[in-house]
Amino acid sequence: MVMNSCILYVSLTGNTRKFAENISNELKIPAVFDITTTEPTAVKDFDMIILGTPVHGFNPSKESVAFIKRLPNGEGKQAILFCTYRLWKGRVFGKLKGEMKKRGYSTILCVSAKAKEFTDNDFVEPIQKIVKTLTK
């Protein structure tokens, strides 16, 4: 469905990884990378990155921010951001969008999933928003 896209995530408890895998399955995107074991240069040939983080203290994970700061120039490329959280997502998307913009990426959508114990059903609505945005 989506040409030349990859999914990037950092996940400490497995929830954000589950969200990334659900996006991958729904959109048929085989390129899924854990940013803790992937070099930012791995995304240079992709036109769209879909990046996810858990929320830590109302902020994106420090790993996700550090990864974005090391991304190759993304001039003309797009991003979709996603996060998982239990209480509040706080400043997550504002901070991530700002960092992505500094690297040249245009963020076209931000989606989140909130739950205490995540199931695949928690990801249905945000993934539908991604599909709708990408098929406009």
Protein backbone atom coordinates (compact mmCIF):
# COMPACT_ATOMS: atom_id res chain seq x y z
CA MET A 1 0.00 0.00 0.00
CA VAL A 2 2.75 2.44 0.92
CA MET A 3 5.75 2.64 -1.34
CA ASN A 4 9.23 3.30 0.00
CA SER A 5 8.33 3.56 3.70
CA CYS A 6 9.88 2.20 6.85
CA ILE A 7 8.77 1.90 10.44
CA LEU A 8 11.08 2.83 13.30
CA TYR A 9 10.37 2.35 16.97
CA VAL A 10 11.82 2.18 20.45
CA SER A 11 10.00 0.01 22.97
CA LEU A 12 10.93 -0.78 26.55
CA THR A 13 7.89 -2.84 27.55
CA GLY A 14 6.89 -4.18 24.13
CA ASN A 15 3.83 -1.96 23.64
CA THR A 16 5.35 0.37 21.06
CA ARG A 17 6.86 -2.65 19.27
CA LYS A 18 3.37 -4.20 19.11
CA PHE A 19 2.01 -0.95 17.67
CA ALA A 20 4.81 -0.90 15.05
CA GLU A 21 4.13 -4.53 14.10
CA ASN A 22 0.42 -3.83 13.73
CA ILE A 23 1.17 -0.87 11.44
CA SER A 24 3.56 -3.07 9.44
CA ASN A 25 0.95 -5.81 9.03
CA GLU A 26 -1.86 -3.44 8.07
CA LEU A 27 0.16 -1.34 5.61
CA LYS A 28 2.30 -4.23 4.30
CA ILE A 29 5.55 -2.44 5.17
CA PRO A 30 8.27 -5.04 5.69
CA ALA A 31 10.99 -2.58 6.78
CA VAL A 32 10.61 -2.36 10.56
CA PHE A 33 13.58 -1.27 12.67
CA ASP A 34 14.22 -1.08 16.40
CA ILE A 35 16.11 2.22 16.66
CA THR A 36 18.23 0.95 19.55
CA THR A 37 19.91 -1.49 17.16
CA THR A 38 19.67 0.46 13.88
CA GLU A 39 21.87 3.19 12.46
CA PRO A 40 19.98 6.32 11.32
CA THR A 41 21.60 6.00 7.86
CA ALA A 42 19.40 2.89 7.33
CA VAL A 43 16.50 5.23 6.45
CA LYS A 44 18.28 7.29 3.77
CA ASP A 45 16.56 5.51 0.86
CA PHE A 46 13.03 5.77 2.29
CA ASP A 47 10.68 8.63 1.35
CA MET A 48 8.48 8.17 4.44
CA ILE A 49 9.38 7.17 7.95
CA ILE A 50 6.83 6.11 10.52
CA LEU A 51 8.42 6.58 13.94
CA GLY A 52 7.13 5.46 17.31
CA THR A 53 8.09 6.01 20.93
CA PRO A 54 6.70 5.34 24.36
CA VAL A 55 6.00 8.38 26.55
CA HIS A 56 8.45 8.95 29.41
CA GLY A 57 7.55 11.73 31.82
CA PHE A 58 5.32 13.49 29.25
CA ASN A 59 8.20 13.43 26.71
CA PRO A 60 9.38 11.16 23.91
CA SER A 61 11.97 8.57 24.89
CA LYS A 62 15.52 9.94 24.96
CA GLU A 63 16.46 7.19 22.47
CA SER A 64 13.96 8.45 19.88
CA VAL A 65 15.15 12.07 20.17
CA ALA A 66 18.82 11.03 19.94
CA PHE A 67 18.02 8.89 16.86
CA ILE A 68 16.20 11.73 15.09
CA LYS A 69 19.10 14.12 15.75
CA ARG A 70 21.36 11.68 13.86
CA LEU A 71 19.03 11.13 10.86
CA PRO A 72 20.37 11.95 7.41
CA ASN A 73 18.87 15.05 5.81
CA GLY A 74 15.21 14.36 5.05
CA GLU A 75 14.49 17.33 2.78
CA GLY A 76 11.31 16.56 0.82
CA LYS A 77 10.56 13.46 2.88
CA GLN A 78 7.59 12.84 5.15
CA ALA A 79 7.03 11.40 8.60
CA ILE A 80 4.21 9.93 10.62
CA LEU A 81 4.72 9.84 14.38
CA PHE A 82 3.09 7.47 16.86
CA CYS A 83 3.30 6.85 20.58
CA THR A 84 1.99 4.62 23.34
CA TYR A 85 1.14 5.91 26.79
CA ARG A 86 -0.78 5.13 29.96
CA LEU A 87 -1.70 8.54 31.41
CA TRP A 88 -0.84 11.60 29.28
CA LYS A 89 1.14 12.04 26.11
CA GLY A 90 2.26 15.51 27.16
CA ARG A 91 4.75 17.22 24.81
CA VAL A 92 5.72 14.11 22.86
CA PHE A 93 4.51 15.14 19.41
CA GLY A 94 5.53 18.79 19.73
CA LYS A 95 9.09 17.79 20.58
CA LEU A 96 9.32 15.06 17.93
CA LYS A 97 7.85 17.27 15.19
CA GLY A 98 10.35 20.00 16.05
CA GLU A 99 13.29 17.59 15.84
CA MET A 100 11.98 16.06 12.59
CA LYS A 101 11.61 19.53 11.06
CA LYS A 102 15.24 20.34 11.93
CA ARG A 103 16.24 17.25 9.89
CA GLY A 104 14.07 18.34 6.93
CA TYR A 105 11.11 16.00 7.43
CA SER A 106 7.51 17.13 7.09
CA THR A 107 5.29 15.46 9.71
CA ILE A 108 1.92 14.69 8.12
CA LEU A 109 0.22 12.86 11.01
CA CYS A 110 0.59 12.06 14.71
CA VAL A 111 -1.37 9.19 16.28
CA SER A 112 -1.32 7.62 19.71
CA ALA A 113 -2.65 4.64 21.64
CA LYS A 114 -3.53 4.82 25.32
CA ALA A 115 -4.03 1.78 27.54
CA LYS A 116 -2.81 0.10 30.70
CA GLU A 117 -2.47 -3.35 29.10
CA PHE A 118 -2.27 -3.05 25.31
CA THR A 119 -4.06 -5.41 22.94
CA ASP A 120 -4.20 -5.29 19.14
CA ASN A 121 -7.62 -3.61 19.43
CA ASP A 122 -5.98 -0.55 21.01
CA PHE A 123 -4.15 0.09 17.73
CA VAL A 124 -7.11 -0.24 15.31
CA GLU A 125 -8.31 3.37 15.41
CA PRO A 126 -4.88 5.06 15.14
CA ILE A 127 -3.90 2.70 12.30
CA GLN A 128 -7.12 3.56 10.48
CA LYS A 129 -6.07 7.23 10.69
CA ILE A 130 -2.70 6.35 9.14
CA VAL A 131 -4.37 4.40 6.32
CA LYS A 132 -6.81 7.25 5.65
CA THR A 133 -3.96 9.80 5.54
CA LEU A 134 -1.86 7.69 3.18
CA THR A 135 -4.69 6.87 0.80
CA LYS A 136 -5.98 10.43 0.32
